Amino acid sequence: TGVNHIELRMFDLNPLVDAGVEEKDVIFAQ
């Protein structure tokens, strides 16, 4: 069926934000 998406597996949990990940870091990856 081919590629649907790419997975990035290197993000640490970020305890400094409630979600565990900072939105700006996800956008930076994009």
mmCIF file of all heavy atoms, coordinates in Angstrom:
data_MODEL
# 
_entry.id   MODEL 
# 
loop_
_atom_site.group_PDB 
_atom_site.id 
_atom_site.type_symbol 
_atom_site.label_atom_id 
_atom_site.label_alt_id 
_atom_site.label_comp_id 
_atom_site.label_asym_id 
_atom_site.label_entity_id 
_atom_site.label_seq_id 
_atom_site.pdbx_PDB_ins_code 
_atom_site.Cartn_x 
_atom_site.Cartn_y 
_atom_site.Cartn_z 
_atom_site.occupancy 
_atom_site.B_iso_or_equiv 
_atom_site.pdbx_formal_charge 
_atom_site.auth_seq_id 
_atom_site.auth_comp_id 
_atom_site.auth_asym_id 
_atom_site.auth_atom_id 
_atom_site.pdbx_PDB_model_num 
ATOM 1   N N   . THR A 1 1  ? 0.808  -1.228 0.000  1.00 0.00 ? 1  THR A N   1 
ATOM 2   C CA  . THR A 1 1  ? 0.000  0.000  0.000  1.00 0.00 ? 1  THR A CA  1 
ATOM 3   C C   . THR A 1 1  ? 0.835  1.269  0.000  1.00 0.00 ? 1  THR A C   1 
ATOM 4   O O   . THR A 1 1  ? 0.308  2.347  -0.238 1.00 0.00 ? 1  THR A O   1 
ATOM 5   C CB  . THR A 1 1  ? -0.952 0.024  1.204  1.00 0.00 ? 1  THR A CB  1 
ATOM 6   O OG1 . THR A 1 1  ? -0.196 0.081  2.421  1.00 0.00 ? 1  THR A OG1 1 
ATOM 7   C CG2 . THR A 1 1  ? -1.826 -1.219 1.231  1.00 0.00 ? 1  THR A CG2 1 
ATOM 8   N N   . GLY A 1 2  ? 2.120  1.150  0.277  1.00 0.00 ? 2  GLY A N   1 
ATOM 9   C CA  . GLY A 1 2  ? 2.988  2.304  0.219  1.00 0.00 ? 2  GLY A CA  1 
ATOM 10  C C   . GLY A 1 2  ? 3.028  3.102  1.511  1.00 0.00 ? 2  GLY A C   1 
ATOM 11  O O   . GLY A 1 2  ? 2.395  2.762  2.508  1.00 0.00 ? 2  GLY A O   1 
ATOM 12  N N   . VAL A 1 3  ? 3.777  4.182  1.468  1.00 0.00 ? 3  VAL A N   1 
ATOM 13  C CA  . VAL A 1 3  ? 3.992  5.021  2.656  1.00 0.00 ? 3  VAL A CA  1 
ATOM 14  C C   . VAL A 1 3  ? 2.782  5.913  2.882  1.00 0.00 ? 3  VAL A C   1 
ATOM 15  O O   . VAL A 1 3  ? 2.262  6.535  1.953  1.00 0.00 ? 3  VAL A O   1 
ATOM 16  C CB  . VAL A 1 3  ? 5.255  5.888  2.492  1.00 0.00 ? 3  VAL A CB  1 
ATOM 17  C CG1 . VAL A 1 3  ? 5.500  6.703  3.763  1.00 0.00 ? 3  VAL A CG1 1 
ATOM 18  C CG2 . VAL A 1 3  ? 6.472  5.035  2.165  1.00 0.00 ? 3  VAL A CG2 1 
ATOM 19  N N   . ASN A 1 4  ? 2.366  5.984  4.129  1.00 0.00 ? 4  ASN A N   1 
ATOM 20  C CA  . ASN A 1 4  ? 1.295  6.898  4.516  1.00 0.00 ? 4  ASN A CA  1 
ATOM 21  C C   . ASN A 1 4  ? 1.828  8.096  5.289  1.00 0.00 ? 4  ASN A C   1 
ATOM 22  O O   . ASN A 1 4  ? 1.348  9.206  5.132  1.00 0.00 ? 4  ASN A O   1 
ATOM 23  C CB  . ASN A 1 4  ? 0.266  6.161  5.371  1.00 0.00 ? 4  ASN A CB  1 
ATOM 24  C CG  . ASN A 1 4  ? -0.868 7.051  5.831  1.00 0.00 ? 4  ASN A CG  1 
ATOM 25  O OD1 . ASN A 1 4  ? -1.699 7.457  5.017  1.00 0.00 ? 4  ASN A OD1 1 
ATOM 26  N ND2 . ASN A 1 4  ? -0.915 7.382  7.120  1.00 0.00 ? 4  ASN A ND2 1 
ATOM 27  N N   . HIS A 1 5  ? 2.840  7.847  6.153  1.00 0.00 ? 5  HIS A N   1 
ATOM 28  C CA  . HIS A 1 5  ? 3.374  8.949  6.963  1.00 0.00 ? 5  HIS A CA  1 
ATOM 29  C C   . HIS A 1 5  ? 4.757  8.598  7.478  1.00 0.00 ? 5  HIS A C   1 
ATOM 30  O O   . HIS A 1 5  ? 5.211  7.460  7.373  1.00 0.00 ? 5  HIS A O   1 
ATOM 31  C CB  . HIS A 1 5  ? 2.442  9.277  8.136  1.00 0.00 ? 5  HIS A CB  1 
ATOM 32  C CG  . HIS A 1 5  ? 2.264  8.160  9.116  1.00 0.00 ? 5  HIS A CG  1 
ATOM 33  N ND1 . HIS A 1 5  ? 1.356  7.132  8.939  1.00 0.00 ? 5  HIS A ND1 1 
ATOM 34  C CD2 . HIS A 1 5  ? 2.874  7.890  10.308 1.00 0.00 ? 5  HIS A CD2 1 
ATOM 35  C CE1 . HIS A 1 5  ? 1.412  6.294  9.953  1.00 0.00 ? 5  HIS A CE1 1 
ATOM 36  N NE2 . HIS A 1 5  ? 2.333  6.725  10.799 1.00 0.00 ? 5  HIS A NE2 1 
ATOM 37  N N   . ILE A 1 6  ? 5.414  9.582  8.044  1.00 0.00 ? 6  ILE A N   1 
ATOM 38  C CA  . ILE A 1 6  ? 6.725  9.414  8.638  1.00 0.00 ? 6  ILE A CA  1 
ATOM 39  C C   . ILE A 1 6  ? 6.596  9.550  10.150 1.00 0.00 ? 6  ILE A C   1 
ATOM 40  O O   . ILE A 1 6  ? 5.806  10.366 10.639 1.00 0.00 ? 6  ILE A O   1 
ATOM 41  C CB  . ILE A 1 6  ? 7.732  10.442 8.061  1.00 0.00 ? 6  ILE A CB  1 
ATOM 42  C CG1 . ILE A 1 6  ? 9.165  10.147 8.520  1.00 0.00 ? 6  ILE A CG1 1 
ATOM 43  C CG2 . ILE A 1 6  ? 7.330  11.869 8.395  1.00 0.00 ? 6  ILE A CG2 1 
ATOM 44  C CD1 . ILE A 1 6  ? 10.207 10.953 7.755  1.00 0.00 ? 6  ILE A CD1 1 
ATOM 45  N N   . GLU A 1 7  ? 7.333  8.716  10.872 1.00 0.00 ? 7  GLU A N   1 
ATOM 46  C CA  . GLU A 1 7  ? 7.288  8.742  12.337 1.00 0.00 ? 7  GLU A CA  1 
ATOM 47  C C   . GLU A 1 7  ? 8.641  9.187  12.875 1.00 0.00 ? 7  GLU A C   1 
ATOM 48  O O   . GLU A 1 7  ? 9.681  8.639  12.494 1.00 0.00 ? 7  GLU A O   1 
ATOM 49  C CB  . GLU A 1 7  ? 6.941  7.352  12.889 1.00 0.00 ? 7  GLU A CB  1 
ATOM 50  C CG  . GLU A 1 7  ? 6.891  7.304  14.413 1.00 0.00 ? 7  GLU A CG  1 
ATOM 51  C CD  . GLU A 1 7  ? 6.720  5.893  14.956 1.00 0.00 ? 7  GLU A CD  1 
ATOM 52  O OE1 . GLU A 1 7  ? 7.242  4.937  14.317 1.00 0.00 ? 7  GLU A OE1 1 
ATOM 53  O OE2 . GLU A 1 7  ? 6.077  5.735  16.008 1.00 0.00 ? 7  GLU A OE2 1 
ATOM 54  N N   . LEU A 1 8  ? 8.617  10.172 13.774 1.00 0.00 ? 8  LEU A N   1 
ATOM 55  C CA  . LEU A 1 8  ? 9.818  10.685 14.432 1.00 0.00 ? 8  LEU A CA  1 
ATOM 56  C C   . LEU A 1 8  ? 9.767  10.241 15.888 1.00 0.00 ? 8  LEU A C   1 
ATOM 57  O O   . LEU A 1 8  ? 8.844  10.593 16.619 1.00 0.00 ? 8  LEU A O   1 
ATOM 58  C CB  . LEU A 1 8  ? 9.870  12.212 14.336 1.00 0.00 ? 8  LEU A CB  1 
ATOM 59  C CG  . LEU A 1 8  ? 9.654  12.797 12.933 1.00 0.00 ? 8  LEU A CG  1 
ATOM 60  C CD1 . LEU A 1 8  ? 9.644  14.316 12.991 1.00 0.00 ? 8  LEU A CD1 1 
ATOM 61  C CD2 . LEU A 1 8  ? 10.710 12.286 11.963 1.00 0.00 ? 8  LEU A CD2 1 
ATOM 62  N N   . ARG A 1 9  ? 10.799 9.482  16.312 1.00 0.00 ? 9  ARG A N   1 
ATOM 63  C CA  . ARG A 1 9  ? 10.730 8.779  17.583 1.00 0.00 ? 9  ARG A CA  1 
ATOM 64  C C   . ARG A 1 9  ? 11.698 9.332  18.642 1.00 0.00 ? 9  ARG A C   1 
ATOM 65  O O   . ARG A 1 9  ? 11.922 8.690  19.670 1.00 0.00 ? 9  ARG A O   1 
ATOM 66  C CB  . ARG A 1 9  ? 11.040 7.298  17.350 1.00 0.00 ? 9  ARG A CB  1 
ATOM 67  C CG  . ARG A 1 9  ? 10.098 6.630  16.368 1.00 0.00 ? 9  ARG A CG  1 
ATOM 68  C CD  . ARG A 1 9  ? 10.641 5.320  15.837 1.00 0.00 ? 9  ARG A CD  1 
ATOM 69  N NE  . ARG A 1 9  ? 11.029 4.392  16.887 1.00 0.00 ? 9  ARG A NE  1 
ATOM 70  C CZ  . ARG A 1 9  ? 10.183 3.577  17.504 1.00 0.00 ? 9  ARG A CZ  1 
ATOM 71  N NH1 . ARG A 1 9  ? 8.896  3.577  17.184 1.00 0.00 ? 9  ARG A NH1 1 
ATOM 72  N NH2 . ARG A 1 9  ? 10.611 2.753  18.436 1.00 0.00 ? 9  ARG A NH2 1 
ATOM 73  N N   . MET A 1 10 ? 12.280 10.513 18.407 1.00 0.00 ? 10 MET A N   1 
ATOM 74  C CA  . MET A 1 10 ? 13.390 10.959 19.250 1.00 0.00 ? 10 MET A CA  1 
ATOM 75  C C   . MET A 1 10 ? 13.025 11.993 20.315 1.00 0.00 ? 10 MET A C   1 
ATOM 76  O O   . MET A 1 10 ? 13.892 12.468 21.041 1.00 0.00 ? 10 MET A O   1 
ATOM 77  C CB  . MET A 1 10 ? 14.514 11.523 18.381 1.00 0.00 ? 10 MET A CB  1 
ATOM 78  C CG  . MET A 1 10 ? 14.162 12.828 17.669 1.00 0.00 ? 10 MET A CG  1 
ATOM 79  S SD  . MET A 1 10 ? 13.055 12.661 16.257 1.00 0.00 ? 10 MET A SD  1 
ATOM 80  C CE  . MET A 1 10 ? 14.147 12.022 15.015 1.00 0.00 ? 10 MET A CE  1 
ATOM 81  N N   . PHE A 1 11 ? 11.745 12.338 20.448 1.00 0.00 ? 11 PHE A N   1 
ATOM 82  C CA  . PHE A 1 11 ? 11.365 13.369 21.405 1.00 0.00 ? 11 PHE A CA  1 
ATOM 83  C C   . PHE A 1 11 ? 11.351 12.810 22.828 1.00 0.00 ? 11 PHE A C   1 
ATOM 84  O O   . PHE A 1 11 ? 10.670 11.829 23.120 1.00 0.00 ? 11 PHE A O   1 
ATOM 85  C CB  . PHE A 1 11 ? 9.960  13.906 21.113 1.00 0.00 ? 11 PHE A CB  1 
ATOM 86  C CG  . PHE A 1 11 ? 9.860  14.853 19.946 1.00 0.00 ? 11 PHE A CG  1 
ATOM 87  C CD1 . PHE A 1 11 ? 10.450 14.554 18.724 1.00 0.00 ? 11 PHE A CD1 1 
ATOM 88  C CD2 . PHE A 1 11 ? 9.160  16.034 20.062 1.00 0.00 ? 11 PHE A CD2 1 
ATOM 89  C CE1 . PHE A 1 11 ? 10.339 15.411 17.650 1.00 0.00 ? 11 PHE A CE1 1 
ATOM 90  C CE2 . PHE A 1 11 ? 9.039  16.915 18.990 1.00 0.00 ? 11 PHE A CE2 1 
ATOM 91  C CZ  . PHE A 1 11 ? 9.636  16.597 17.780 1.00 0.00 ? 11 PHE A CZ  1 
ATOM 92  N N   . ASP A 1 12 ? 12.075 13.447 23.748 1.00 0.00 ? 12 ASP A N   1 
ATOM 93  C CA  . ASP A 1 12 ? 11.931 13.118 25.166 1.00 0.00 ? 12 ASP A CA  1 
ATOM 94  C C   . ASP A 1 12 ? 10.611 13.661 25.692 1.00 0.00 ? 12 ASP A C   1 
ATOM 95  O O   . ASP A 1 12 ? 10.066 14.655 25.161 1.00 0.00 ? 12 ASP A O   1 
ATOM 96  C CB  . ASP A 1 12 ? 13.050 13.774 25.985 1.00 0.00 ? 12 ASP A CB  1 
ATOM 97  C CG  . ASP A 1 12 ? 14.302 12.916 26.061 1.00 0.00 ? 12 ASP A CG  1 
ATOM 98  O OD1 . ASP A 1 12 ? 14.280 11.769 25.593 1.00 0.00 ? 12 ASP A OD1 1 
ATOM 99  O OD2 . ASP A 1 12 ? 15.313 13.412 26.595 1.00 0.00 ? 12 ASP A OD2 1 
ATOM 100 N N   . LEU A 1 13 ? 10.096 13.043 26.758 1.00 0.00 ? 13 LEU A N   1 
ATOM 101 C CA  . LEU A 1 13 ? 9.005  13.665 27.495 1.00 0.00 ? 13 LEU A CA  1 
ATOM 102 C C   . LEU A 1 13 ? 9.510  14.978 28.086 1.00 0.00 ? 13 LEU A C   1 
ATOM 103 O O   . LEU A 1 13 ? 10.598 15.020 28.661 1.00 0.00 ? 13 LEU A O   1 
ATOM 104 C CB  . LEU A 1 13 ? 8.520  12.761 28.631 1.00 0.00 ? 13 LEU A CB  1 
ATOM 105 C CG  . LEU A 1 13 ? 7.810  11.464 28.255 1.00 0.00 ? 13 LEU A CG  1 
ATOM 106 C CD1 . LEU A 1 13 ? 7.396  10.714 29.516 1.00 0.00 ? 13 LEU A CD1 1 
ATOM 107 C CD2 . LEU A 1 13 ? 6.598  11.728 27.392 1.00 0.00 ? 13 LEU A CD2 1 
ATOM 108 N N   . ASN A 1 14 ? 8.738  16.018 27.956 1.00 0.00 ? 14 ASN A N   1 
ATOM 109 C CA  . ASN A 1 14 ? 9.106  17.320 28.500 1.00 0.00 ? 14 ASN A CA  1 
ATOM 110 C C   . ASN A 1 14 ? 8.269  17.586 29.746 1.00 0.00 ? 14 ASN A C   1 
ATOM 111 O O   . ASN A 1 14 ? 7.105  17.986 29.645 1.00 0.00 ? 14 ASN A O   1 
ATOM 112 C CB  . ASN A 1 14 ? 8.877  18.406 27.456 1.00 0.00 ? 14 ASN A CB  1 
ATOM 113 C CG  . ASN A 1 14 ? 9.314  19.780 27.928 1.00 0.00 ? 14 ASN A CG  1 
ATOM 114 O OD1 . ASN A 1 14 ? 9.656  19.960 29.102 1.00 0.00 ? 14 ASN A OD1 1 
ATOM 115 N ND2 . ASN A 1 14 ? 9.307  20.753 27.047 1.00 0.00 ? 14 ASN A ND2 1 
ATOM 116 N N   . PRO A 1 15 ? 8.827  17.385 30.942 1.00 0.00 ? 15 PRO A N   1 
ATOM 117 C CA  . PRO A 1 15 ? 8.045  17.565 32.170 1.00 0.00 ? 15 PRO A CA  1 
ATOM 118 C C   . PRO A 1 15 ? 7.741  19.018 32.490 1.00 0.00 ? 15 PRO A C   1 
ATOM 119 O O   . PRO A 1 15 ? 6.961  19.302 33.409 1.00 0.00 ? 15 PRO A O   1 
ATOM 120 C CB  . PRO A 1 15 ? 8.952  16.950 33.243 1.00 0.00 ? 15 PRO A CB  1 
ATOM 121 C CG  . PRO A 1 15 ? 10.332 17.164 32.716 1.00 0.00 ? 15 PRO A CG  1 
ATOM 122 C CD  . PRO A 1 15 ? 10.214 16.987 31.226 1.00 0.00 ? 15 PRO A CD  1 
ATOM 123 N N   . LEU A 1 16 ? 8.324  19.947 31.730 1.00 0.00 ? 16 LEU A N   1 
ATOM 124 C CA  . LEU A 1 16 ? 8.109  21.366 32.004 1.00 0.00 ? 16 LEU A CA  1 
ATOM 125 C C   . LEU A 1 16 ? 6.781  21.867 31.452 1.00 0.00 ? 16 LEU A C   1 
ATOM 126 O O   . LEU A 1 16 ? 6.374  22.985 31.765 1.00 0.00 ? 16 LEU A O   1 
ATOM 127 C CB  . LEU A 1 16 ? 9.269  22.189 31.416 1.00 0.00 ? 16 LEU A CB  1 
ATOM 128 C CG  . LEU A 1 16 ? 10.670 21.796 31.915 1.00 0.00 ? 16 LEU A CG  1 
ATOM 129 C CD1 . LEU A 1 16 ? 11.726 22.632 31.213 1.00 0.00 ? 16 LEU A CD1 1 
ATOM 130 C CD2 . LEU A 1 16 ? 10.766 21.964 33.431 1.00 0.00 ? 16 LEU A CD2 1 
ATOM 131 N N   . VAL A 1 17 ? 6.099  21.053 30.638 1.00 0.00 ? 17 VAL A N   1 
ATOM 132 C CA  . VAL A 1 17 ? 4.779  21.426 30.113 1.00 0.00 ? 17 VAL A CA  1 
ATOM 133 C C   . VAL A 1 17 ? 3.811  20.284 30.413 1.00 0.00 ? 17 VAL A C   1 
ATOM 134 O O   . VAL A 1 17 ? 4.188  19.110 30.416 1.00 0.00 ? 17 VAL A O   1 
ATOM 135 C CB  . VAL A 1 17 ? 4.811  21.725 28.597 1.00 0.00 ? 17 VAL A CB  1 
ATOM 136 C CG1 . VAL A 1 17 ? 5.608  22.984 28.318 1.00 0.00 ? 17 VAL A CG1 1 
ATOM 137 C CG2 . VAL A 1 17 ? 5.384  20.554 27.810 1.00 0.00 ? 17 VAL A CG2 1 
ATOM 138 N N   . ASP A 1 18 ? 2.550  20.621 30.658 1.00 0.00 ? 18 ASP A N   1 
ATOM 139 C CA  . ASP A 1 18 ? 1.560  19.627 31.083 1.00 0.00 ? 18 ASP A CA  1 
ATOM 140 C C   . ASP A 1 18 ? 1.381  18.506 30.064 1.00 0.00 ? 18 ASP A C   1 
ATOM 141 O O   . ASP A 1 18 ? 1.205  17.343 30.429 1.00 0.00 ? 18 ASP A O   1 
ATOM 142 C CB  . ASP A 1 18 ? 0.200  20.308 31.328 1.00 0.00 ? 18 ASP A CB  1 
ATOM 143 C CG  . ASP A 1 18 ? 0.205  21.173 32.584 1.00 0.00 ? 18 ASP A CG  1 
ATOM 144 O OD1 . ASP A 1 18 ? 1.206  21.111 33.327 1.00 0.00 ? 18 ASP A OD1 1 
ATOM 145 O OD2 . ASP A 1 18 ? -0.772 21.898 32.815 1.00 0.00 ? 18 ASP A OD2 1 
ATOM 146 N N   . ALA A 1 19 ? 1.407  18.843 28.791 1.00 0.00 ? 19 ALA A N   1 
ATOM 147 C CA  . ALA A 1 19 ? 1.145  17.838 27.750 1.00 0.00 ? 19 ALA A CA  1 
ATOM 148 C C   . ALA A 1 19 ? 2.271  16.826 27.630 1.00 0.00 ? 19 ALA A C   1 
ATOM 149 O O   . ALA A 1 19 ? 2.069  15.719 27.148 1.00 0.00 ? 19 ALA A O   1 
ATOM 150 C CB  . ALA A 1 19 ? 0.913  18.523 26.407 1.00 0.00 ? 19 ALA A CB  1 
ATOM 151 N N   . GLY A 1 20 ? 3.470  17.228 28.040 1.00 0.00 ? 20 GLY A N   1 
ATOM 152 C CA  . GLY A 1 20 ? 4.632  16.371 27.845 1.00 0.00 ? 20 GLY A CA  1 
ATOM 153 C C   . GLY A 1 20 ? 5.405  16.681 26.584 1.00 0.00 ? 20 GLY A C   1 
ATOM 154 O O   . GLY A 1 20 ? 6.461  16.099 26.327 1.00 0.00 ? 20 GLY A O   1 
ATOM 155 N N   . VAL A 1 21 ? 4.896  17.605 25.787 1.00 0.00 ? 21 VAL A N   1 
ATOM 156 C CA  . VAL A 1 21 ? 5.583  18.028 24.569 1.00 0.00 ? 21 VAL A CA  1 
ATOM 157 C C   . VAL A 1 21 ? 5.193  19.477 24.291 1.00 0.00 ? 21 VAL A C   1 
ATOM 158 O O   . VAL A 1 21 ? 4.032  19.866 24.440 1.00 0.00 ? 21 VAL A O   1 
ATOM 159 C CB  . VAL A 1 21 ? 5.247  17.108 23.373 1.00 0.00 ? 21 VAL A CB  1 
ATOM 160 C CG1 . VAL A 1 21 ? 3.757  17.148 23.021 1.00 0.00 ? 21 VAL A CG1 1 
ATOM 161 C CG2 . VAL A 1 21 ? 6.089  17.444 22.151 1.00 0.00 ? 21 VAL A CG2 1 
ATOM 162 N N   . GLU A 1 22 ? 6.168  20.273 23.922 1.00 0.00 ? 22 GLU A N   1 
ATOM 163 C CA  . GLU A 1 22 ? 5.963  21.683 23.616 1.00 0.00 ? 22 GLU A CA  1 
ATOM 164 C C   . GLU A 1 22 ? 5.504  21.833 22.162 1.00 0.00 ? 22 GLU A C   1 
ATOM 165 O O   . GLU A 1 22 ? 6.102  21.258 21.240 1.00 0.00 ? 22 GLU A O   1 
ATOM 166 C CB  . GLU A 1 22 ? 7.278  22.443 23.845 1.00 0.00 ? 22 GLU A CB  1 
ATOM 167 C CG  . GLU A 1 22 ? 7.369  23.819 23.243 1.00 0.00 ? 22 GLU A CG  1 
ATOM 168 C CD  . GLU A 1 22 ? 6.324  24.789 23.773 1.00 0.00 ? 22 GLU A CD  1 
ATOM 169 O OE1 . GLU A 1 22 ? 6.212  24.907 25.011 1.00 0.00 ? 22 GLU A OE1 1 
ATOM 170 O OE2 . GLU A 1 22 ? 5.627  25.418 22.933 1.00 0.00 ? 22 GLU A OE2 1 
ATOM 171 N N   . GLU A 1 23 ? 4.433  22.592 21.959 1.00 0.00 ? 23 GLU A N   1 
ATOM 172 C CA  . GLU A 1 23 ? 3.871  22.760 20.612 1.00 0.00 ? 23 GLU A CA  1 
ATOM 173 C C   . GLU A 1 23 ? 4.904  23.286 19.627 1.00 0.00 ? 23 GLU A C   1 
ATOM 174 O O   . GLU A 1 23 ? 4.974  22.834 18.479 1.00 0.00 ? 23 GLU A O   1 
ATOM 175 C CB  . GLU A 1 23 ? 2.667  23.705 20.671 1.00 0.00 ? 23 GLU A CB  1 
ATOM 176 C CG  . GLU A 1 23 ? 1.995  23.920 19.331 1.00 0.00 ? 23 GLU A CG  1 
ATOM 177 C CD  . GLU A 1 23 ? 0.844  24.920 19.400 1.00 0.00 ? 23 GLU A CD  1 
ATOM 178 O OE1 . GLU A 1 23 ? 0.371  25.224 20.516 1.00 0.00 ? 23 GLU A OE1 1 
ATOM 179 O OE2 . GLU A 1 23 ? 0.424  25.406 18.324 1.00 0.00 ? 23 GLU A OE2 1 
ATOM 180 N N   . LYS A 1 24 ? 5.729  24.224 20.039 1.00 0.00 ? 24 LYS A N   1 
ATOM 181 C CA  . LYS A 1 24 ? 6.718  24.806 19.126 1.00 0.00 ? 24 LYS A CA  1 
ATOM 182 C C   . LYS A 1 24 ? 7.712  23.754 18.640 1.00 0.00 ? 24 LYS A C   1 
ATOM 183 O O   . LYS A 1 24 ? 8.199  23.831 17.512 1.00 0.00 ? 24 LYS A O   1 
ATOM 184 C CB  . LYS A 1 24 ? 7.462  25.963 19.811 1.00 0.00 ? 24 LYS A CB  1 
ATOM 185 C CG  . LYS A 1 24 ? 6.633  27.212 20.062 1.00 0.00 ? 24 LYS A CG  1 
ATOM 186 C CD  . LYS A 1 24 ? 7.523  28.344 20.559 1.00 0.00 ? 24 LYS A CD  1 
ATOM 187 C CE  . LYS A 1 24 ? 6.733  29.610 20.857 1.00 0.00 ? 24 LYS A CE  1 
ATOM 188 N NZ  . LYS A 1 24 ? 5.913  29.455 22.079 1.00 0.00 ? 24 LYS A NZ  1 
ATOM 189 N N   . ASP A 1 25 ? 8.008  22.765 19.468 1.00 0.00 ? 25 ASP A N   1 
ATOM 190 C CA  . ASP A 1 25 ? 8.933  21.711 19.034 1.00 0.00 ? 25 ASP A CA  1 
ATOM 191 C C   . ASP A 1 25 ? 8.312  20.837 17.948 1.00 0.00 ? 25 ASP A C   1 
ATOM 192 O O   . ASP A 1 25 ? 8.995  20.408 17.020 1.00 0.00 ? 25 ASP A O   1 
ATOM 193 C CB  . ASP A 1 25 ? 9.331  20.838 20.228 1.00 0.00 ? 25 ASP A CB  1 
ATOM 194 C CG  . ASP A 1 25 ? 10.201 21.582 21.229 1.00 0.00 ? 25 ASP A CG  1 
ATOM 195 O OD1 . ASP A 1 25 ? 10.919 22.511 20.826 1.00 0.00 ? 25 ASP A OD1 1 
ATOM 196 O OD2 . ASP A 1 25 ? 10.154 21.236 22.432 1.00 0.00 ? 25 ASP A OD2 1 
ATOM 197 N N   . VAL A 1 26 ? 7.019  20.555 18.077 1.00 0.00 ? 26 VAL A N   1 
ATOM 198 C CA  . VAL A 1 26 ? 6.333  19.760 17.054 1.00 0.00 ? 26 VAL A CA  1 
ATOM 199 C C   . VAL A 1 26 ? 6.261  20.541 15.745 1.00 0.00 ? 26 VAL A C   1 
ATOM 200 O O   . VAL A 1 26 ? 6.496  19.989 14.660 1.00 0.00 ? 26 VAL A O   1 
ATOM 201 C CB  . VAL A 1 26 ? 4.921  19.354 17.528 1.00 0.00 ? 26 VAL A CB  1 
ATOM 202 C CG1 . VAL A 1 26 ? 4.207  18.551 16.443 1.00 0.00 ? 26 VAL A CG1 1 
ATOM 203 C CG2 . VAL A 1 26 ? 5.004  18.541 18.817 1.00 0.00 ? 26 VAL A CG2 1 
ATOM 204 N N   . ILE A 1 27 ? 5.964  21.831 15.846 1.00 0.00 ? 27 ILE A N   1 
ATOM 205 C CA  . ILE A 1 27 ? 5.916  22.666 14.638 1.00 0.00 ? 27 ILE A CA  1 
ATOM 206 C C   . ILE A 1 27 ? 7.302  22.766 14.008 1.00 0.00 ? 27 ILE A C   1 
ATOM 207 O O   . ILE A 1 27 ? 7.447  22.739 12.777 1.00 0.00 ? 27 ILE A O   1 
ATOM 208 C CB  . ILE A 1 27 ? 5.348  24.056 14.967 1.00 0.00 ? 27 ILE A CB  1 
ATOM 209 C CG1 . ILE A 1 27 ? 3.889  23.934 15.416 1.00 0.00 ? 27 ILE A CG1 1 
ATOM 210 C CG2 . ILE A 1 27 ? 5.460  24.988 13.760 1.00 0.00 ? 27 ILE A CG2 1 
ATOM 211 C CD1 . ILE A 1 27 ? 3.283  25.233 15.915 1.00 0.00 ? 27 ILE A CD1 1 
ATOM 212 N N   . PHE A 1 28 ? 8.328  22.877 14.844 1.00 0.00 ? 28 PHE A N   1 
ATOM 213 C CA  . PHE A 1 28 ? 9.695  22.929 14.317 1.00 0.00 ? 28 PHE A CA  1 
ATOM 214 C C   . PHE A 1 28 ? 10.027 21.668 13.529 1.00 0.00 ? 28 PHE A C   1 
ATOM 215 O O   . PHE A 1 28 ? 10.665 21.725 12.470 1.00 0.00 ? 28 PHE A O   1 
ATOM 216 C CB  . PHE A 1 28 ? 10.693 23.129 15.455 1.00 0.00 ? 28 PHE A CB  1 
ATOM 217 C CG  . PHE A 1 28 ? 12.130 23.160 14.996 1.00 0.00 ? 28 PHE A CG  1 
ATOM 218 C CD1 . PHE A 1 28 ? 12.615 24.236 14.262 1.00 0.00 ? 28 PHE A CD1 1 
ATOM 219 C CD2 . PHE A 1 28 ? 12.994 22.115 15.292 1.00 0.00 ? 28 PHE A CD2 1 
ATOM 220 C CE1 . PHE A 1 28 ? 13.949 24.263 13.822 1.00 0.00 ? 28 PHE A CE1 1 
ATOM 221 C CE2 . PHE A 1 28 ? 14.317 22.126 14.863 1.00 0.00 ? 28 PHE A CE2 1 
ATOM 222 C CZ  . PHE A 1 28 ? 14.791 23.211 14.133 1.00 0.00 ? 28 PHE A CZ  1 
ATOM 223 N N   . ALA A 1 29 ? 9.587  20.517 14.040 1.00 0.00 ? 29 ALA A N   1 
ATOM 224 C CA  . ALA A 1 29 ? 9.804  19.262 13.304 1.00 0.00 ? 29 ALA A CA  1 
ATOM 225 C C   . ALA A 1 29 ? 9.134  19.321 11.941 1.00 0.00 ? 29 ALA A C   1 
ATOM 226 O O   . ALA A 1 29 ? 9.699  18.883 10.924 1.00 0.00 ? 29 ALA A O   1 
ATOM 227 C CB  . ALA A 1 29 ? 9.271  18.083 14.120 1.00 0.00 ? 29 ALA A CB  1 
ATOM 228 N N   . GLN A 1 30 ? 7.915  19.861 11.891 1.00 0.00 ? 30 GLN A N   1 
ATOM 229 C CA  . GLN A 1 30 ? 7.219  20.021 10.615 1.00 0.00 ? 30 GLN A CA  1 
ATOM 230 C C   . GLN A 1 30 ? 8.003  20.946 9.685  1.00 0.00 ? 30 GLN A C   1 
ATOM 231 O O   . GLN A 1 30 ? 8.210  20.628 8.502  1.00 0.00 ? 30 GLN A O   1 
ATOM 232 C CB  . GLN A 1 30 ? 5.819  20.591 10.841 1.00 0.00 ? 30 GLN A CB  1 
ATOM 233 C CG  . GLN A 1 30 ? 5.048  20.847 9.554  1.00 0.00 ? 30 GLN A CG  1 
ATOM 234 C CD  . GLN A 1 30 ? 3.843  21.750 9.742  1.00 0.00 ? 30 GLN A CD  1 
ATOM 235 O OE1 . GLN A 1 30 ? 3.792  22.539 10.699 1.00 0.00 ? 30 GLN A OE1 1 
ATOM 236 N NE2 . GLN A 1 30 ? 2.873  21.654 8.845  1.00 0.00 ? 30 GLN A NE2 1 
# 
